[in-house]
Protein backbone atom coordinates (compact mmCIF):
# COMPACT_ATOMS: atom_id res chain seq x y z
CA MET A 1 -64.48 -12.37 22.51
CA GLU A 2 -66.09 -9.00 22.90
CA HIS A 3 -62.73 -7.34 22.12
CA TYR A 4 -62.51 -9.47 18.99
CA ASN A 5 -65.98 -8.41 17.95
CA ASP A 6 -65.06 -4.79 18.63
CA TRP A 7 -62.00 -5.05 16.43
CA PHE A 8 -63.47 -7.13 13.59
CA GLY A 9 -67.04 -5.97 13.59
CA ASN A 10 -69.23 -5.35 10.65
CA ASP A 11 -67.38 -2.16 9.86
CA TRP A 12 -63.81 -3.51 10.29
CA CYS A 13 -62.92 -2.52 6.73
CA GLY A 14 -64.29 0.93 7.20
CA GLU A 15 -62.54 4.04 8.39
CA THR A 16 -59.08 3.49 9.95
CA ARG A 17 -59.12 3.71 13.71
CA ASP A 18 -56.65 5.64 15.85
CA GLU A 19 -55.16 2.38 17.08
CA GLU A 20 -54.47 1.33 13.50
CA TRP A 21 -52.85 4.65 12.68
CA ALA A 22 -50.65 4.32 15.72
CA LEU A 23 -49.64 0.80 14.64
CA ILE A 24 -48.87 1.98 11.09
CA ASP A 25 -46.78 4.86 12.39
CA ALA A 26 -44.95 2.53 14.74
CA ILE A 27 -44.16 0.16 11.84
CA LYS A 28 -42.99 3.07 9.66
CA ASN A 29 -40.76 4.41 12.41
CA SER A 30 -39.36 0.95 13.07
CA VAL A 31 -38.60 0.38 9.37
CA ARG A 32 -37.13 3.87 9.08
CA ASP A 33 -34.89 3.27 12.07
CA ASP A 34 -33.80 -0.10 10.65
CA ILE A 35 -32.96 1.54 7.32
CA LYS A 36 -31.04 4.33 9.03
CA GLN A 37 -29.08 1.83 11.10
CA GLU A 38 -28.31 -0.29 8.01
CA MET A 39 -27.21 2.78 6.04
CA GLU A 40 -25.02 3.91 8.92
CA ARG A 41 -23.51 0.42 9.14
CA LEU A 42 -22.83 0.36 5.41
CA ARG A 43 -21.38 3.88 5.50
CA LYS A 44 -19.07 2.91 8.34
CA GLU A 45 -18.11 -0.34 6.60
CA ASN A 46 -17.45 1.51 3.34
CA ALA A 47 -15.26 4.05 5.16
CA GLU A 48 -13.31 1.21 6.77
CA LEU A 49 -12.92 -0.50 3.37
CA GLN A 50 -11.70 2.75 1.79
CA GLN A 51 -9.20 3.22 4.60
CA TYR A 52 -8.08 -0.40 4.24
CA LYS A 53 -7.72 0.07 0.48
CA GLN A 54 -5.65 3.22 0.95
CA GLU A 55 -3.47 1.51 3.51
CA ARG A 56 -2.97 -1.48 1.20
CA GLN A 57 -2.05 0.84 -1.66
CA GLU A 58 0.41 2.69 0.55
CA ILE A 59 1.93 -0.60 1.75
CA GLU A 60 2.17 -1.83 -1.87
CA LYS A 61 3.81 1.44 -2.87
CA ILE A 62 6.37 1.18 -0.07
CA LYS A 63 6.97 -2.48 -0.95
CA ASN A 64 7.62 -1.62 -4.62
CA GLN A 65 9.96 1.19 -3.61
CA TYR A 66 11.99 -1.15 -1.41
CA GLN A 67 12.06 -3.83 -4.12
CA LEU A 68 13.29 -1.29 -6.66
CA LYS A 69 15.87 0.02 -4.20
CA LEU A 70 17.02 -3.52 -3.43
CA LYS A 71 17.29 -4.37 -7.12
CA THR A 72 19.20 -1.16 -7.85
CA GLU A 73 21.60 -1.69 -4.96
CA THR A 74 22.08 -5.35 -5.92
CA GLU A 75 22.91 -4.45 -9.52
CA MET A 76 25.27 -1.71 -8.33
CA TYR A 77 26.98 -4.16 -5.98
CA LYS A 78 27.35 -6.69 -8.81
CA ARG A 79 28.89 -4.01 -11.04
CA GLN A 80 31.29 -3.06 -8.29
CA LEU A 81 32.31 -6.71 -7.86
CA ARG A 82 32.77 -7.14 -11.62
CA THR A 83 34.78 -3.93 -11.82
CA ALA A 84 36.96 -4.96 -8.88
CA ARG A 85 37.54 -8.37 -10.46
CA LEU A 86 38.38 -6.85 -13.84
CA GLU A 87 40.75 -4.36 -12.22
CA GLU A 88 42.40 -7.25 -10.42
CA LEU A 89 42.80 -9.18 -13.67
CA PHE A 90 43.69 -6.41 -16.10
CA GLY A 91 44.95 -3.56 -13.93
CA ASP A 92 45.78 -0.46 -15.99
CA ARG A 93 44.55 -2.21 -19.14
CA LEU A 94 41.01 -1.58 -17.97
CA MET A 95 39.58 1.74 -19.16
CA ILE A 96 36.39 3.60 -20.05
CA GLY A 97 35.18 4.35 -23.57
CA TRP A 98 31.99 5.60 -25.19
CA ALA A 99 29.96 4.01 -27.94
CA ALA A 100 27.25 5.51 -30.14
CA ASP A 101 24.12 3.80 -28.83
CA CYS A 102 21.20 3.81 -31.27
CA LYS A 103 17.57 4.16 -30.17
CA ILE A 104 14.39 4.33 -32.24
CA VAL A 105 12.22 7.37 -31.49
CA LEU A 106 8.62 6.89 -32.62
CA PRO A 107 6.38 9.81 -33.65
CA PRO A 108 3.10 10.44 -31.78
CA LYS A 109 0.56 7.67 -32.37
CA CYS A 110 -2.18 8.51 -34.86
CA ASN A 111 -5.89 7.61 -34.58
CA LYS A 112 -5.95 5.30 -37.61
CA CYS A 113 -4.23 2.27 -36.05
CA ASP A 114 -4.58 -0.07 -33.07
CA SER A 115 -2.59 0.00 -29.84
CA GLU A 116 0.33 -1.76 -31.56
CA ARG A 117 0.29 0.71 -34.47
CA TYR A 118 -1.19 -1.67 -37.06
CA ILE A 119 -3.94 -0.84 -39.56
CA HIS A 120 -6.54 -3.58 -40.08
CA PHE A 121 -8.31 -4.16 -43.39
CA LYS A 122 -10.10 -6.88 -45.33
CA SER A 123 -9.08 -8.38 -48.63
CA PRO A 124 -11.58 -8.58 -51.53
CA SER A 125 -12.28 -12.18 -50.44
CA GLY A 126 -13.13 -11.03 -46.91
CA MET A 127 -9.95 -12.20 -45.16
CA ASP A 128 -8.55 -10.08 -42.30
CA PHE A 129 -5.15 -8.48 -42.82
CA LYS A 130 -3.05 -5.89 -41.08
CA GLU A 131 -0.09 -3.73 -42.02
CA PRO A 132 2.23 -1.40 -40.11
CA CYS A 133 0.96 2.13 -39.80
CA GLU A 134 3.06 5.06 -40.95
CA CYS A 135 3.38 6.21 -37.34
CA GLN A 136 5.18 2.93 -36.54
CA HIS A 137 8.24 4.11 -38.46
CA GLY A 138 10.54 6.05 -36.17
CA THR A 139 13.84 7.81 -36.57
CA LYS A 140 17.20 6.70 -35.23
CA LYS A 141 18.70 8.73 -32.43
CA TYR A 142 22.27 8.20 -31.26
CA GLU A 143 23.46 8.86 -27.72
CA PRO A 144 26.81 8.23 -25.99
CA LYS A 145 26.92 5.06 -23.92
CA GLU A 146 29.66 4.44 -21.41
CA MET A 147 31.42 1.11 -21.85
CA GLN A 148 34.16 -0.70 -19.99
CA LEU A 149 37.06 -1.60 -22.25
CA VAL A 150 40.03 -3.90 -21.98
CA LYS A 151 43.10 -2.70 -23.81
CA ILE A 152 45.22 -5.48 -25.28
CA SER A 153 48.54 -4.70 -26.94
CA GLU A 154 49.70 -6.98 -29.75
CA SER A 155 52.81 -7.09 -31.90
CA ASP A 156 52.50 -6.40 -35.59
CA ILE A 157 54.30 -9.32 -37.22
CA TYR A 158 54.77 -7.26 -40.39
CA GLN A 159 56.33 -4.29 -38.58
CA GLY A 160 58.65 -6.03 -36.17
CA GLU A 161 58.41 -4.51 -32.69
CA ARG A 162 55.51 -2.21 -33.55
CA LYS A 163 52.72 -2.50 -31.00
CA ILE A 164 49.03 -2.38 -31.86
CA ASP A 165 46.48 -1.53 -29.18
CA ARG A 166 43.19 -3.37 -29.48
CA TYR A 167 40.12 -2.61 -27.37
CA TYR A 168 37.54 -5.18 -26.38
CA VAL A 169 34.19 -4.89 -24.66
CA LYS A 170 32.15 -7.64 -23.02
CA SER A 171 29.37 -9.02 -25.20
CA ASP A 172 25.91 -10.11 -24.10
CA VAL A 173 26.50 -13.38 -25.96
CA VAL A 174 27.60 -16.41 -23.94
CA TRP A 175 29.23 -19.41 -25.66
CA ASN A 176 29.60 -22.65 -23.66
CA GLY A 177 29.57 -20.71 -20.41
CA TYR A 178 32.13 -18.11 -21.55
CA VAL A 179 31.29 -14.47 -22.20
CA ASP A 180 32.22 -13.33 -25.67
CA ALA A 181 34.26 -10.17 -26.24
CA ILE A 182 33.73 -7.78 -29.13
CA TYR A 183 36.62 -6.00 -30.77
CA ARG A 184 36.01 -2.27 -30.97
CA VAL A 185 37.62 0.16 -33.37
CA VAL A 186 38.84 3.39 -31.80
CA CYS A 187 37.49 6.22 -33.93
CA ASP A 188 38.86 9.34 -32.24
CA GLY A 189 40.33 11.48 -35.02
CA LYS A 190 38.51 9.71 -37.85
CA ALA A 191 36.17 11.50 -40.25
CA PHE A 192 32.58 10.93 -39.11
CA ASP A 193 31.43 9.65 -42.51
CA GLU A 194 34.07 6.88 -42.34
CA ILE A 195 32.87 5.51 -38.99
CA ARG A 196 30.72 2.41 -38.67
CA PRO A 197 28.75 2.88 -35.43
CA TYR A 198 28.14 -0.81 -34.71
CA ASN A 199 31.75 -1.43 -33.62
CA ALA A 200 33.05 2.10 -33.07
CA ILE A 201 34.39 3.27 -29.72
CA PHE A 202 35.56 6.69 -28.60
CA LEU A 203 38.09 7.29 -25.86
CA ASN A 204 36.95 10.91 -25.64
CA LYS A 205 33.34 11.48 -24.52
CA GLU A 206 33.04 14.89 -26.17
CA THR A 207 34.04 13.43 -29.53
CA CYS A 208 31.43 10.70 -29.10
CA GLU A 209 28.75 13.30 -28.30
CA LYS A 210 29.59 15.26 -31.46
CA TYR A 211 29.49 12.10 -33.55
CA CYS A 212 26.10 11.13 -32.08
CA GLU A 213 24.68 14.56 -32.92
CA TRP A 214 26.04 14.34 -36.47
CA LYS A 215 24.78 10.77 -36.96
CA THR A 216 21.31 11.66 -35.65
CA GLU A 217 21.12 14.59 -38.08
CA GLN A 218 22.10 12.30 -40.97
CA GLU A 219 19.33 9.83 -40.05
CA ALA A 220 16.78 12.66 -39.84
CA LYS A 221 17.71 13.82 -43.36
CA LYS A 222 16.85 10.34 -44.70
CA ASN A 223 13.24 10.81 -43.55
CA ASP A 224 12.81 14.26 -45.09
C-alpha cells in the first residue's frame, strides 16, 4: 500500500519520474522492434512474391513457346500428309504455282478517331453516330502466294485431239463434306492489264512477283 501511495501520490500527475521514462522508452523500443520485424517480414514476402511472379512468367513463356512449336509442327505434319496423299493420287499432275495475294495496308492511325478508327458525332437531334475515319481506308498491296495446283488435261471437243490443260487449287469452301476446287487461269505471257487477279495463277514465280509490283503500283495511283 505504501508503494501504491508512492506511485499515485498527490503529485502523480506532476513531473515524469525516471521509472516512467524508462517504461516509455521500453514501449517505444518494443514497438520499433515490432515494426522493424513486420517490415522485414513484408520485404521478404514481397521478394518471394516477385520471384514467384517472375518464375510463373518464365514458365508461362516456355509453355507458350512449346504450344506454338507444337502447333507449327502439327500443321507442318498435316501439310506433309496432305502433300503425300495428293502426290499419291495425282502424281506428276501435282505442281506448284503462285497467285497474286491481296492485302490491305492501313496508314498510321490519326488522333481524331477511336481504337477501331471510327469518328463519333451527334446528330442535330442529339443521337450518337459514327463514321469511318479517313485513316481507315488503306491501299491494296499484292504479294506472291505459293499454291498447290492439280493439272487436269481435257480434250477440246471442237478441236478433235487437241488437249487443254486446266489448273485447279483447293478452296476453303466445303460442300456436303467435300472440298471445292477453284479453276485457275494460267497468266504467264499475258499482258498485265488483261489479268484478273482473283483467279489468276502463274507457273513462274518471277513473273508473279513482277505482276504483283505492277498491280500494287496501279492501286497506289488510284489513291493519288
